[in-house]
Amino acid sequence: MNVDRAVLEQLRQLKSECDLAEPYIALAIYAPEELEKEQIGYSTDEKGRSLASDEDGAWQPGWIVIGRTELTGDPIIVDMNEAGQPVSCLMHGMDEWGAGSYIAGSIGQFRDAVAKIRLLMASHRPQVANTPVTCAALDDAVADIAAADDYADADTWQALLEPSYRMARQQEEALIGSIRSMSGQGMKIKDIADALGIPLKLAYSFLKKVKSEADNRWSE
């Protein structure tokens, strides 16, 4: 399989970044030396015969599989024949390849977006900071990725970042539980924030959720 050396180097860098971000993102990127065998069943069969065609719904000649999503195993591809060589996630429908969504406008933009998420999540690990990453912060990061790259589909990124959102929800739930307990003991919000080592604004936002949950229970 003929792939430009510059593209292979970009893929190597993307894989390195995605490996570092493995706990936070639900995908796997193949090493350059794995690419040829990973095309089997997509652009070629087991005997090396081409399965690609220009027909609608067929696997297109310029598509190269570079990875897969972890949740569904759908292929992640680079379109070598499209300007900029954008990255997409494809879904295999009824014997045709018609549905899918863009992830990034290029391999480099894909790598930069993954790095953005990795740095966000790593900076909020419990071992590093008391302030947890929130689902709202992840939503903001996804919005930034989509704003910086016309090809980036926000819904697709949110799906890929399900491990990050799951971590955020777990951290939020743990904090809300602590705030519920401390508030029930009569502690003031500033004292709660100080005790948990989190910003007052964040503590207040979680306290509002605690009170909203209580109001809902009373109204039932």
N, C-alpha and C. Protein backbone atom coordinates (compact mmCIF):
# COMPACT_ATOMS: atom_id res chain seq x y z
N MET A 1 0.85 -1.19 0.00
CA MET A 1 0.00 0.00 0.00
C MET A 1 0.88 1.24 0.00
N ASN A 2 0.61 2.14 -0.93
CA ASN A 2 1.41 3.35 -1.07
C ASN A 2 0.83 4.49 -0.25
N VAL A 3 1.53 4.89 0.80
CA VAL A 3 1.12 6.04 1.61
C VAL A 3 2.32 6.94 1.78
N ASP A 4 2.12 8.23 1.53
CA ASP A 4 3.21 9.20 1.62
C ASP A 4 3.87 9.16 3.00
N ARG A 5 5.20 9.32 3.01
CA ARG A 5 5.95 9.29 4.28
C ARG A 5 5.48 10.35 5.25
N ALA A 6 5.13 11.52 4.73
CA ALA A 6 4.66 12.60 5.60
C ALA A 6 3.36 12.20 6.29
N VAL A 7 2.48 11.52 5.55
CA VAL A 7 1.22 11.05 6.14
C VAL A 7 1.49 9.99 7.20
N LEU A 8 2.41 9.08 6.93
CA LEU A 8 2.76 8.05 7.90
C LEU A 8 3.30 8.66 9.18
N GLU A 9 4.10 9.71 9.06
CA GLU A 9 4.63 10.38 10.24
C GLU A 9 3.51 11.07 11.03
N GLN A 10 2.57 11.67 10.31
CA GLN A 10 1.42 12.28 10.98
C GLN A 10 0.61 11.23 11.72
N LEU A 11 0.45 10.08 11.10
CA LEU A 11 -0.29 8.99 11.75
C LEU A 11 0.44 8.48 12.99
N ARG A 12 1.77 8.42 12.89
CA ARG A 12 2.57 7.98 14.03
C ARG A 12 2.38 8.94 15.21
N GLN A 13 2.37 10.23 14.91
CA GLN A 13 2.16 11.24 15.95
C GLN A 13 0.74 11.16 16.52
N LEU A 14 -0.23 10.94 15.64
CA LEU A 14 -1.62 10.81 16.10
C LEU A 14 -1.77 9.60 17.01
N LYS A 15 -1.19 8.47 16.63
CA LYS A 15 -1.29 7.27 17.46
C LYS A 15 -0.64 7.51 18.82
N SER A 16 0.52 8.16 18.83
CA SER A 16 1.19 8.45 20.10
C SER A 16 0.31 9.29 21.01
N GLU A 17 -0.34 10.30 20.44
CA GLU A 17 -1.22 11.16 21.23
C GLU A 17 -2.44 10.39 21.72
N CYS A 18 -3.03 9.58 20.84
CA CYS A 18 -4.21 8.82 21.23
C CYS A 18 -3.88 7.75 22.27
N ASP A 19 -2.69 7.18 22.21
CA ASP A 19 -2.28 6.21 23.23
C ASP A 19 -2.19 6.87 24.59
N LEU A 20 -1.67 8.11 24.63
CA LEU A 20 -1.59 8.84 25.89
C LEU A 20 -2.98 9.18 26.42
N ALA A 21 -3.90 9.41 25.48
CA ALA A 21 -5.27 9.81 25.86
C ALA A 21 -6.21 8.62 26.00
N GLU A 22 -5.67 7.41 25.98
CA GLU A 22 -6.50 6.20 25.99
C GLU A 22 -7.58 6.19 27.08
N PRO A 23 -7.29 6.64 28.31
CA PRO A 23 -8.35 6.58 29.33
C PRO A 23 -9.51 7.53 29.06
N TYR A 24 -9.31 8.48 28.16
CA TYR A 24 -10.29 9.56 27.99
C TYR A 24 -11.09 9.50 26.71
N ILE A 25 -10.70 8.67 25.75
CA ILE A 25 -11.34 8.70 24.44
C ILE A 25 -11.53 7.28 23.91
N ALA A 26 -12.72 7.02 23.35
CA ALA A 26 -13.10 5.66 22.97
C ALA A 26 -12.76 5.36 21.51
N LEU A 27 -11.47 5.30 21.23
CA LEU A 27 -11.03 4.93 19.89
C LEU A 27 -9.63 4.33 19.96
N ALA A 28 -9.25 3.67 18.87
CA ALA A 28 -7.90 3.13 18.76
C ALA A 28 -7.36 3.51 17.38
N ILE A 29 -6.12 3.98 17.35
CA ILE A 29 -5.46 4.33 16.10
C ILE A 29 -4.38 3.30 15.81
N TYR A 30 -4.28 2.86 14.56
CA TYR A 30 -3.33 1.83 14.19
C TYR A 30 -1.94 2.43 13.94
N ALA A 31 -0.92 1.64 14.22
CA ALA A 31 0.45 2.03 13.89
C ALA A 31 0.62 1.96 12.37
N PRO A 32 1.51 2.78 11.81
CA PRO A 32 1.72 2.76 10.35
C PRO A 32 1.99 1.37 9.80
N GLU A 33 2.76 0.55 10.54
CA GLU A 33 3.08 -0.78 10.04
C GLU A 33 1.88 -1.73 10.08
N GLU A 34 0.79 -1.34 10.73
CA GLU A 34 -0.41 -2.17 10.78
C GLU A 34 -1.41 -1.82 9.68
N LEU A 35 -1.18 -0.71 9.01
CA LEU A 35 -2.19 -0.19 8.09
C LEU A 35 -2.58 -1.18 6.99
N GLU A 36 -1.59 -1.82 6.39
CA GLU A 36 -1.90 -2.68 5.24
C GLU A 36 -2.88 -3.79 5.60
N LYS A 37 -2.63 -4.48 6.72
CA LYS A 37 -3.52 -5.59 7.09
C LYS A 37 -4.88 -5.09 7.56
N GLU A 38 -4.93 -3.84 8.06
CA GLU A 38 -6.21 -3.31 8.55
C GLU A 38 -7.13 -2.86 7.42
N GLN A 39 -6.61 -2.86 6.18
CA GLN A 39 -7.47 -2.51 5.04
C GLN A 39 -8.29 -3.71 4.57
N ILE A 40 -7.90 -4.91 5.02
CA ILE A 40 -8.60 -6.13 4.59
C ILE A 40 -10.05 -6.10 5.07
N GLY A 41 -10.95 -6.33 4.15
CA GLY A 41 -12.37 -6.29 4.45
C GLY A 41 -12.98 -4.93 4.16
N TYR A 42 -12.11 -3.98 3.88
CA TYR A 42 -12.59 -2.63 3.53
C TYR A 42 -12.21 -2.31 2.08
N SER A 43 -10.96 -1.94 1.84
CA SER A 43 -10.55 -1.62 0.46
C SER A 43 -10.03 -2.84 -0.30
N THR A 44 -9.64 -3.89 0.45
CA THR A 44 -9.15 -5.10 -0.22
C THR A 44 -9.72 -6.35 0.46
N ASP A 45 -9.69 -7.47 -0.29
CA ASP A 45 -10.06 -8.73 0.35
C ASP A 45 -8.79 -9.44 0.83
N GLU A 46 -8.94 -10.65 1.36
CA GLU A 46 -7.79 -11.36 1.94
C GLU A 46 -6.72 -11.73 0.91
N LYS A 47 -7.09 -11.73 -0.36
CA LYS A 47 -6.13 -12.04 -1.42
C LYS A 47 -5.54 -10.79 -2.06
N GLY A 48 -5.86 -9.64 -1.47
CA GLY A 48 -5.30 -8.39 -1.97
C GLY A 48 -6.06 -7.77 -3.12
N ARG A 49 -7.21 -8.34 -3.46
CA ARG A 49 -8.00 -7.79 -4.56
C ARG A 49 -8.80 -6.59 -4.07
N SER A 50 -8.91 -5.58 -4.92
CA SER A 50 -9.56 -4.33 -4.54
C SER A 50 -11.07 -4.51 -4.38
N LEU A 51 -11.59 -3.91 -3.31
CA LEU A 51 -13.03 -3.87 -3.08
C LEU A 51 -13.57 -2.46 -3.27
N ALA A 52 -12.67 -1.55 -3.62
CA ALA A 52 -13.04 -0.13 -3.75
C ALA A 52 -13.69 0.14 -5.10
N SER A 53 -14.59 1.12 -5.08
CA SER A 53 -15.29 1.49 -6.31
C SER A 53 -15.78 2.93 -6.17
N ASP A 54 -15.97 3.60 -7.29
CA ASP A 54 -16.50 4.96 -7.29
C ASP A 54 -18.02 4.99 -7.18
N GLU A 55 -18.66 3.83 -7.16
CA GLU A 55 -20.12 3.78 -7.10
C GLU A 55 -20.62 4.27 -5.74
N ASP A 56 -21.82 4.85 -5.75
CA ASP A 56 -22.42 5.32 -4.50
C ASP A 56 -22.60 4.15 -3.54
N GLY A 57 -22.24 4.38 -2.27
CA GLY A 57 -22.39 3.35 -1.25
C GLY A 57 -21.24 2.37 -1.18
N ALA A 58 -20.32 2.43 -2.15
CA ALA A 58 -19.17 1.52 -2.15
C ALA A 58 -18.01 2.15 -1.37
N TRP A 59 -17.07 1.30 -1.01
CA TRP A 59 -15.83 1.80 -0.38
C TRP A 59 -15.06 2.58 -1.44
N GLN A 60 -14.73 3.84 -1.14
CA GLN A 60 -14.12 4.70 -2.14
C GLN A 60 -12.61 4.48 -2.23
N PRO A 61 -12.04 4.64 -3.43
CA PRO A 61 -10.61 4.34 -3.64
C PRO A 61 -9.66 5.14 -2.74
N GLY A 62 -10.04 6.35 -2.34
CA GLY A 62 -9.11 7.17 -1.55
C GLY A 62 -9.19 6.98 -0.06
N TRP A 63 -10.06 6.08 0.40
CA TRP A 63 -10.24 5.90 1.85
C TRP A 63 -9.19 4.93 2.41
N ILE A 64 -8.56 5.33 3.51
CA ILE A 64 -7.60 4.48 4.22
C ILE A 64 -8.05 4.36 5.67
N VAL A 65 -8.21 3.13 6.13
CA VAL A 65 -8.58 2.90 7.53
C VAL A 65 -7.37 3.16 8.42
N ILE A 66 -7.53 4.05 9.40
CA ILE A 66 -6.42 4.35 10.31
C ILE A 66 -6.73 3.97 11.76
N GLY A 67 -7.97 3.54 12.01
CA GLY A 67 -8.33 3.19 13.39
C GLY A 67 -9.77 2.72 13.45
N ARG A 68 -10.28 2.62 14.68
CA ARG A 68 -11.66 2.17 14.89
C ARG A 68 -12.20 2.80 16.17
N THR A 69 -13.51 2.90 16.25
CA THR A 69 -14.14 3.33 17.50
C THR A 69 -14.22 2.12 18.43
N GLU A 70 -14.09 2.35 19.73
CA GLU A 70 -14.09 1.24 20.67
C GLU A 70 -15.50 0.72 20.94
N LEU A 71 -16.50 1.59 20.89
CA LEU A 71 -17.85 1.18 21.25
C LEU A 71 -18.49 0.31 20.18
N THR A 72 -18.30 0.64 18.92
CA THR A 72 -18.97 -0.07 17.84
C THR A 72 -18.03 -0.75 16.86
N GLY A 73 -16.74 -0.43 16.92
CA GLY A 73 -15.79 -0.99 15.98
C GLY A 73 -15.86 -0.38 14.60
N ASP A 74 -16.59 0.73 14.45
CA ASP A 74 -16.69 1.38 13.14
C ASP A 74 -15.33 1.92 12.72
N PRO A 75 -15.02 1.85 11.43
CA PRO A 75 -13.70 2.30 10.97
C PRO A 75 -13.55 3.81 10.98
N ILE A 76 -12.36 4.25 11.35
CA ILE A 76 -11.97 5.66 11.24
C ILE A 76 -11.06 5.75 10.03
N ILE A 77 -11.39 6.66 9.12
CA ILE A 77 -10.66 6.72 7.86
C ILE A 77 -10.09 8.11 7.58
N VAL A 78 -9.09 8.12 6.73
CA VAL A 78 -8.60 9.36 6.11
C VAL A 78 -8.96 9.29 4.63
N ASP A 79 -9.54 10.37 4.12
CA ASP A 79 -9.86 10.43 2.69
C ASP A 79 -8.70 11.09 1.96
N MET A 80 -7.87 10.29 1.33
CA MET A 80 -6.68 10.80 0.67
C MET A 80 -7.00 11.60 -0.59
N ASN A 81 -8.22 11.45 -1.10
CA ASN A 81 -8.58 12.13 -2.34
C ASN A 81 -9.32 13.44 -2.11
N GLU A 82 -9.61 13.75 -0.85
CA GLU A 82 -10.30 15.01 -0.56
C GLU A 82 -9.28 16.04 -0.06
N ALA A 83 -9.49 17.28 -0.43
CA ALA A 83 -8.58 18.35 -0.04
C ALA A 83 -8.39 18.39 1.47
N GLY A 84 -7.13 18.46 1.92
CA GLY A 84 -6.83 18.49 3.35
C GLY A 84 -6.75 17.13 3.99
N GLN A 85 -7.28 16.10 3.31
CA GLN A 85 -7.30 14.73 3.82
C GLN A 85 -8.01 14.63 5.18
N PRO A 86 -9.32 14.92 5.18
CA PRO A 86 -10.09 14.89 6.43
C PRO A 86 -10.24 13.48 7.00
N VAL A 87 -10.56 13.44 8.28
CA VAL A 87 -10.73 12.19 9.01
C VAL A 87 -12.21 12.02 9.33
N SER A 88 -12.73 10.80 9.10
CA SER A 88 -14.14 10.52 9.33
C SER A 88 -14.32 9.21 10.08
N CYS A 89 -15.49 9.05 10.65
CA CYS A 89 -15.92 7.77 11.21
C CYS A 89 -17.07 7.28 10.34
N LEU A 90 -16.95 6.06 9.80
CA LEU A 90 -17.97 5.51 8.92
C LEU A 90 -18.80 4.45 9.63
N MET A 91 -20.06 4.35 9.23
CA MET A 91 -20.93 3.30 9.75
C MET A 91 -21.32 2.38 8.60
N HIS A 92 -21.16 1.09 8.81
CA HIS A 92 -21.49 0.11 7.78
C HIS A 92 -22.98 -0.16 7.83
N GLY A 93 -23.70 0.26 6.79
CA GLY A 93 -25.13 0.03 6.73
C GLY A 93 -25.46 -1.29 6.08
N MET A 94 -26.55 -1.33 5.35
CA MET A 94 -26.98 -2.56 4.69
C MET A 94 -26.15 -2.78 3.42
N ASP A 95 -25.00 -3.41 3.61
CA ASP A 95 -24.10 -3.72 2.50
C ASP A 95 -23.62 -2.49 1.74
N GLU A 96 -23.57 -1.36 2.41
CA GLU A 96 -23.04 -0.18 1.75
C GLU A 96 -22.41 0.76 2.78
N TRP A 97 -21.52 1.61 2.28
CA TRP A 97 -20.85 2.60 3.12
C TRP A 97 -21.38 3.98 2.74
N GLY A 98 -22.46 4.38 3.39
CA GLY A 98 -23.04 5.67 3.03
C GLY A 98 -23.10 6.64 4.19
N ALA A 99 -23.19 6.12 5.41
CA ALA A 99 -23.38 6.98 6.58
C ALA A 99 -22.07 7.15 7.33
N GLY A 100 -21.94 8.29 7.95
CA GLY A 100 -20.74 8.57 8.74
C GLY A 100 -20.71 10.03 9.13
N SER A 101 -19.66 10.42 9.81
CA SER A 101 -19.53 11.82 10.23
C SER A 101 -18.05 12.18 10.29
N TYR A 102 -17.78 13.45 10.04
CA TYR A 102 -16.41 13.94 10.10
C TYR A 102 -15.95 14.08 11.55
N ILE A 103 -14.68 13.79 11.75
CA ILE A 103 -14.04 13.99 13.05
C ILE A 103 -13.14 15.22 13.02
N ALA A 104 -12.38 15.37 11.94
CA ALA A 104 -11.43 16.49 11.84
C ALA A 104 -11.11 16.75 10.37
N GLY A 105 -10.65 17.97 10.11
CA GLY A 105 -10.31 18.35 8.75
C GLY A 105 -8.99 17.80 8.26
N SER A 106 -8.19 17.26 9.18
CA SER A 106 -6.90 16.67 8.82
C SER A 106 -6.40 15.83 9.98
N ILE A 107 -5.38 15.04 9.71
CA ILE A 107 -4.79 14.22 10.78
C ILE A 107 -4.20 15.12 11.86
N GLY A 108 -3.55 16.21 11.45
CA GLY A 108 -2.95 17.12 12.41
C GLY A 108 -3.99 17.77 13.31
N GLN A 109 -5.12 18.17 12.74
CA GLN A 109 -6.18 18.76 13.56
C GLN A 109 -6.79 17.74 14.50
N PHE A 110 -6.88 16.51 14.05
CA PHE A 110 -7.36 15.42 14.90
C PHE A 110 -6.42 15.26 16.10
N ARG A 111 -5.12 15.22 15.83
CA ARG A 111 -4.14 15.07 16.91
C ARG A 111 -4.24 16.23 17.90
N ASP A 112 -4.36 17.44 17.41
CA ASP A 112 -4.43 18.61 18.28
C ASP A 112 -5.69 18.58 19.16
N ALA A 113 -6.80 18.10 18.59
CA ALA A 113 -8.03 18.02 19.37
C ALA A 113 -7.92 16.98 20.48
N VAL A 114 -7.33 15.83 20.15
CA VAL A 114 -7.13 14.79 21.17
C VAL A 114 -6.21 15.32 22.28
N ALA A 115 -5.15 16.05 21.90
CA ALA A 115 -4.24 16.62 22.89
C ALA A 115 -4.96 17.60 23.80
N LYS A 116 -5.87 18.36 23.24
CA LYS A 116 -6.64 19.33 24.03
C LYS A 116 -7.44 18.62 25.13
N ILE A 117 -8.10 17.53 24.74
CA ILE A 117 -8.89 16.78 25.71
C ILE A 117 -7.99 16.11 26.75
N ARG A 118 -6.88 15.53 26.28
CA ARG A 118 -5.98 14.86 27.22
C ARG A 118 -5.45 15.82 28.28
N LEU A 119 -5.04 17.01 27.85
CA LEU A 119 -4.50 17.99 28.79
C LEU A 119 -5.57 18.47 29.76
N LEU A 120 -6.79 18.64 29.26
CA LEU A 120 -7.89 19.04 30.14
C LEU A 120 -8.14 18.00 31.21
N MET A 121 -8.24 16.74 30.79
CA MET A 121 -8.54 15.68 31.75
C MET A 121 -7.37 15.44 32.71
N ALA A 122 -6.15 15.45 32.18
CA ALA A 122 -4.98 15.20 33.02
C ALA A 122 -4.79 16.28 34.08
N SER A 123 -5.14 17.53 33.74
CA SER A 123 -4.95 18.63 34.68
C SER A 123 -5.98 18.60 35.80
N HIS A 124 -7.04 17.78 35.64
CA HIS A 124 -8.07 17.70 36.68
C HIS A 124 -8.10 16.35 37.38
N ARG A 125 -7.04 15.56 37.20
CA ARG A 125 -6.99 14.29 37.93
C ARG A 125 -6.94 14.56 39.43
N PRO A 126 -7.55 13.70 40.24
CA PRO A 126 -7.54 13.91 41.69
C PRO A 126 -6.12 14.02 42.27
N GLN A 127 -5.14 13.34 41.63
CA GLN A 127 -3.77 13.40 42.13
C GLN A 127 -3.12 14.76 41.84
N VAL A 128 -3.72 15.51 40.90
CA VAL A 128 -3.13 16.78 40.47
C VAL A 128 -3.87 17.97 41.02
N ALA A 129 -5.21 17.92 41.03
CA ALA A 129 -6.01 19.07 41.45
C ALA A 129 -7.27 18.59 42.15
N ASN A 130 -7.75 19.42 43.11
CA ASN A 130 -8.99 19.10 43.80
C ASN A 130 -10.20 19.41 42.92
N THR A 131 -10.03 20.35 42.00
CA THR A 131 -11.14 20.75 41.14
C THR A 131 -11.39 19.70 40.06
N PRO A 132 -12.56 19.08 40.05
CA PRO A 132 -12.82 18.04 39.05
C PRO A 132 -13.15 18.65 37.70
N VAL A 133 -12.95 17.87 36.65
CA VAL A 133 -13.45 18.28 35.36
C VAL A 133 -14.96 18.05 35.38
N THR A 134 -15.71 18.95 34.78
CA THR A 134 -17.16 18.82 34.77
C THR A 134 -17.65 18.50 33.35
N CYS A 135 -18.87 18.01 33.27
CA CYS A 135 -19.45 17.75 31.95
C CYS A 135 -19.58 19.05 31.17
N ALA A 136 -19.84 20.14 31.88
CA ALA A 136 -19.94 21.45 31.22
C ALA A 136 -18.60 21.86 30.62
N ALA A 137 -17.50 21.57 31.34
CA ALA A 137 -16.17 21.90 30.82
C ALA A 137 -15.86 21.07 29.58
N LEU A 138 -16.29 19.81 29.57
CA LEU A 138 -16.10 18.97 28.39
C LEU A 138 -16.94 19.48 27.23
N ASP A 139 -18.17 19.90 27.51
CA ASP A 139 -19.00 20.48 26.46
C ASP A 139 -18.33 21.71 25.85
N ASP A 140 -17.72 22.53 26.70
CA ASP A 140 -17.02 23.72 26.21
C ASP A 140 -15.82 23.33 25.34
N ALA A 141 -15.09 22.29 25.75
CA ALA A 141 -13.94 21.84 24.97
C ALA A 141 -14.37 21.31 23.60
N VAL A 142 -15.47 20.56 23.58
CA VAL A 142 -15.99 20.05 22.32
C VAL A 142 -16.43 21.20 21.42
N ALA A 143 -17.08 22.20 22.02
CA ALA A 143 -17.50 23.37 21.25
C ALA A 143 -16.30 24.10 20.66
N ASP A 144 -15.21 24.18 21.44
CA ASP A 144 -13.98 24.83 20.95
C ASP A 144 -13.39 24.05 19.77
N ILE A 145 -13.39 22.72 19.88
CA ILE A 145 -12.86 21.87 18.81
C ILE A 145 -13.68 22.09 17.53
N ALA A 146 -15.01 22.11 17.68
CA ALA A 146 -15.88 22.29 16.52
C ALA A 146 -15.73 23.68 15.92
N ALA A 147 -15.52 24.68 16.77
CA ALA A 147 -15.37 26.06 16.28
C ALA A 147 -14.05 26.24 15.53
N ALA A 148 -13.02 25.50 15.96
CA ALA A 148 -11.69 25.64 15.35
C ALA A 148 -11.54 24.82 14.07
N ASP A 149 -12.45 23.88 13.85
CA ASP A 149 -12.33 22.97 12.69
C ASP A 149 -13.71 22.77 12.09
N ASP A 150 -13.93 23.28 10.90
CA ASP A 150 -15.23 23.19 10.25
C ASP A 150 -15.69 21.74 10.04
N TYR A 151 -14.74 20.81 9.99
CA TYR A 151 -15.10 19.41 9.76
C TYR A 151 -15.51 18.69 11.06
N ALA A 152 -15.10 19.20 12.20
CA ALA A 152 -15.33 18.49 13.46
C ALA A 152 -16.81 18.50 13.82
N ASP A 153 -17.39 17.32 13.98
CA ASP A 153 -18.79 17.19 14.34
C ASP A 153 -18.91 17.04 15.86
N ALA A 154 -19.61 17.98 16.50
CA ALA A 154 -19.67 18.00 17.97
C ALA A 154 -20.29 16.73 18.54
N ASP A 155 -21.36 16.23 17.92
CA ASP A 155 -22.02 15.03 18.43
C ASP A 155 -21.08 13.81 18.36
N THR A 156 -20.31 13.73 17.27
CA THR A 156 -19.36 12.62 17.14
C THR A 156 -18.29 12.70 18.21
N TRP A 157 -17.80 13.91 18.48
CA TRP A 157 -16.78 14.08 19.51
C TRP A 157 -17.33 13.72 20.90
N GLN A 158 -18.56 14.10 21.17
CA GLN A 158 -19.14 13.75 22.47
C GLN A 158 -19.25 12.24 22.63
N ALA A 159 -19.59 11.55 21.54
CA ALA A 159 -19.65 10.08 21.60
C ALA A 159 -18.27 9.48 21.82
N LEU A 160 -17.26 10.01 21.13
CA LEU A 160 -15.90 9.51 21.29
C LEU A 160 -15.36 9.76 22.70
N LEU A 161 -15.85 10.82 23.32
CA LEU A 161 -15.37 11.21 24.64
C LEU A 161 -16.21 10.63 25.78
N GLU A 162 -16.98 9.60 25.51
CA GLU A 162 -17.81 9.01 26.56
C GLU A 162 -16.99 8.61 27.80
N PRO A 163 -15.77 8.05 27.68
CA PRO A 163 -15.00 7.78 28.89
C PRO A 163 -14.72 9.03 29.72
N SER A 164 -14.46 10.15 29.06
CA SER A 164 -14.22 11.41 29.77
C SER A 164 -15.49 11.89 30.47
N TYR A 165 -16.61 11.82 29.75
CA TYR A 165 -17.88 12.23 30.35
C TYR A 165 -18.24 11.33 31.53
N ARG A 166 -17.94 10.04 31.42
CA ARG A 166 -18.23 9.13 32.52
C ARG A 166 -17.40 9.50 33.75
N MET A 167 -16.12 9.80 33.54
CA MET A 167 -15.27 10.24 34.66
C MET A 167 -15.80 11.52 35.27
N ALA A 168 -16.22 12.46 34.42
CA ALA A 168 -16.73 13.74 34.91
C ALA A 168 -17.99 13.52 35.75
N ARG A 169 -18.89 12.67 35.26
CA ARG A 169 -20.13 12.40 36.01
C ARG A 169 -19.82 11.77 37.36
N GLN A 170 -18.87 10.85 37.38
CA GLN A 170 -18.51 10.19 38.65
C GLN A 170 -17.95 11.19 39.64
N GLN A 171 -17.08 12.09 39.16
CA GLN A 171 -16.50 13.10 40.04
C GLN A 171 -17.56 14.08 40.53
N GLU A 172 -18.46 14.46 39.63
CA GLU A 172 -19.53 15.38 40.02
C GLU A 172 -20.43 14.74 41.08
N GLU A 173 -20.79 13.47 40.86
CA GLU A 173 -21.67 12.78 41.80
C GLU A 173 -21.02 12.66 43.18
N ALA A 174 -19.71 12.40 43.20
CA ALA A 174 -19.01 12.29 44.48
C ALA A 174 -19.02 13.63 45.21
N LEU A 175 -18.76 14.71 44.49
CA LEU A 175 -18.78 16.04 45.11
C LEU A 175 -20.17 16.43 45.58
N ILE A 176 -21.16 16.14 44.74
CA ILE A 176 -22.54 16.47 45.13
C ILE A 176 -22.93 15.72 46.40
N GLY A 177 -22.49 14.45 46.50
CA GLY A 177 -22.77 13.69 47.71
C GLY A 177 -22.13 14.33 48.94
N SER A 178 -20.88 14.79 48.79
CA SER A 178 -20.20 15.44 49.92
C SER A 178 -20.88 16.75 50.29
N ILE A 179 -21.25 17.51 49.27
CA ILE A 179 -21.91 18.80 49.53
C ILE A 179 -23.28 18.59 50.16
N ARG A 180 -24.00 17.57 49.73
CA ARG A 180 -25.30 17.26 50.32
C ARG A 180 -25.15 16.96 51.81
N SER A 181 -24.13 16.15 52.12
CA SER A 181 -23.90 15.78 53.52
C SER A 181 -23.49 16.98 54.36
N MET A 182 -22.54 17.78 53.85
CA MET A 182 -22.06 18.95 54.60
C MET A 182 -23.15 20.00 54.77
N SER A 183 -23.95 20.20 53.72
CA SER A 183 -25.04 21.17 53.81
C SER A 183 -26.07 20.71 54.82
N GLY A 184 -26.32 19.38 54.84
CA GLY A 184 -27.26 18.83 55.80
C GLY A 184 -26.80 19.00 57.23
N GLN A 185 -25.47 19.13 57.42
CA GLN A 185 -24.92 19.36 58.76
C GLN A 185 -24.90 20.84 59.13
N GLY A 186 -25.41 21.69 58.23
CA GLY A 186 -25.51 23.11 58.53
C GLY A 186 -24.30 23.94 58.12
N MET A 187 -23.36 23.36 57.39
CA MET A 187 -22.17 24.11 56.97
C MET A 187 -22.54 25.14 55.91
N LYS A 188 -21.89 26.30 55.97
CA LYS A 188 -22.10 27.34 54.98
C LYS A 188 -21.34 26.99 53.70
N ILE A 189 -21.81 27.56 52.58
CA ILE A 189 -21.26 27.18 51.29
C ILE A 189 -19.77 27.50 51.18
N LYS A 190 -19.33 28.63 51.78
CA LYS A 190 -17.90 28.97 51.72
C LYS A 190 -17.08 27.95 52.48
N ASP A 191 -17.58 27.52 53.62
CA ASP A 191 -16.86 26.51 54.41
C ASP A 191 -16.82 25.16 53.67
N ILE A 192 -17.91 24.85 52.96
CA ILE A 192 -17.95 23.62 52.19
C ILE A 192 -16.90 23.67 51.08
N ALA A 193 -16.85 24.80 50.39
CA ALA A 193 -15.88 24.95 49.30
C ALA A 193 -14.45 24.84 49.83
N ASP A 194 -14.19 25.48 50.97
CA ASP A 194 -12.85 25.42 51.55
C ASP A 194 -12.50 24.00 51.98
N ALA A 195 -13.48 23.30 52.56
CA ALA A 195 -13.23 21.95 53.04
C ALA A 195 -12.94 20.99 51.89
N LEU A 196 -13.60 21.21 50.76
CA LEU A 196 -13.42 20.33 49.60
C LEU A 196 -12.30 20.80 48.69
N GLY A 197 -11.81 22.03 48.94
CA GLY A 197 -10.72 22.55 48.12
C GLY A 197 -11.15 22.87 46.69
N ILE A 198 -12.39 23.31 46.52
CA ILE A 198 -12.89 23.64 45.19
C ILE A 198 -13.33 25.11 45.17
N PRO A 199 -13.39 25.73 43.99
CA PRO A 199 -13.83 27.12 43.90
C PRO A 199 -15.23 27.31 44.45
N LEU A 200 -15.47 28.47 45.04
CA LEU A 200 -16.78 28.77 45.62
C LEU A 200 -17.88 28.69 44.57
N LYS A 201 -17.60 29.19 43.37
CA LYS A 201 -18.60 29.18 42.30
C LYS A 201 -19.01 27.75 41.95
N LEU A 202 -18.03 26.84 41.90
CA LEU A 202 -18.34 25.46 41.58
C LEU A 202 -19.14 24.81 42.70
N ALA A 203 -18.76 25.07 43.94
CA ALA A 203 -19.48 24.52 45.08
C ALA A 203 -20.93 25.00 45.07
N TYR A 204 -21.11 26.27 44.73
CA TYR A 204 -22.47 26.84 44.70
C TYR A 204 -23.30 26.18 43.60
N SER A 205 -22.69 25.93 42.45
CA SER A 205 -23.44 25.30 41.35
C SER A 205 -23.90 23.89 41.73
N PHE A 206 -23.04 23.16 42.47
CA PHE A 206 -23.42 21.82 42.91
C PHE A 206 -24.47 21.88 44.01
N LEU A 207 -24.38 22.90 44.88
CA LEU A 207 -25.38 23.06 45.93
C LEU A 207 -26.75 23.33 45.33
N LYS A 208 -26.79 24.08 44.25
CA LYS A 208 -28.06 24.33 43.56
C LYS A 208 -28.66 23.02 43.06
N LYS A 209 -27.81 22.10 42.58
CA LYS A 209 -28.30 20.80 42.14
C LYS A 209 -28.87 20.01 43.31
N VAL A 210 -28.18 20.09 44.46
CA VAL A 210 -28.65 19.40 45.66
C VAL A 210 -30.04 19.91 46.06
N LYS A 211 -30.19 21.23 46.06
CA LYS A 211 -31.48 21.83 46.45
C LYS A 211 -32.56 21.52 45.42
N SER A 212 -32.18 21.50 44.14
CA SER A 212 -33.15 21.17 43.09
C SER A 212 -33.64 19.74 43.24
N GLU A 213 -32.72 18.82 43.55
CA GLU A 213 -33.10 17.42 43.76
C GLU A 213 -34.05 17.30 44.94
N ALA A 214 -33.77 18.05 46.02
CA ALA A 214 -34.62 18.01 47.20
C ALA A 214 -36.01 18.56 46.89
N ASP A 215 -36.06 19.66 46.12
CA ASP A 215 -37.35 20.25 45.76
C ASP A 215 -38.17 19.28 44.92
N ASN A 216 -37.50 18.57 44.02
CA ASN A 216 -38.20 17.62 43.16
C ASN A 216 -38.78 16.46 43.98
N ARG A 217 -38.03 16.03 44.98
CA ARG A 217 -38.51 14.93 45.82
C ARG A 217 -39.74 15.37 46.62
N TRP A 218 -39.72 16.60 47.10
CA TRP A 218 -40.84 17.10 47.88
C TRP A 218 -42.09 17.29 47.02
N SER A 219 -41.89 17.59 45.72
CA SER A 219 -43.02 17.85 44.85
C SER A 219 -43.64 16.58 44.32
N GLU A 220 -42.98 15.45 44.48
CA GLU A 220 -43.51 14.18 43.98
C GLU A 220 -44.62 13.64 44.87
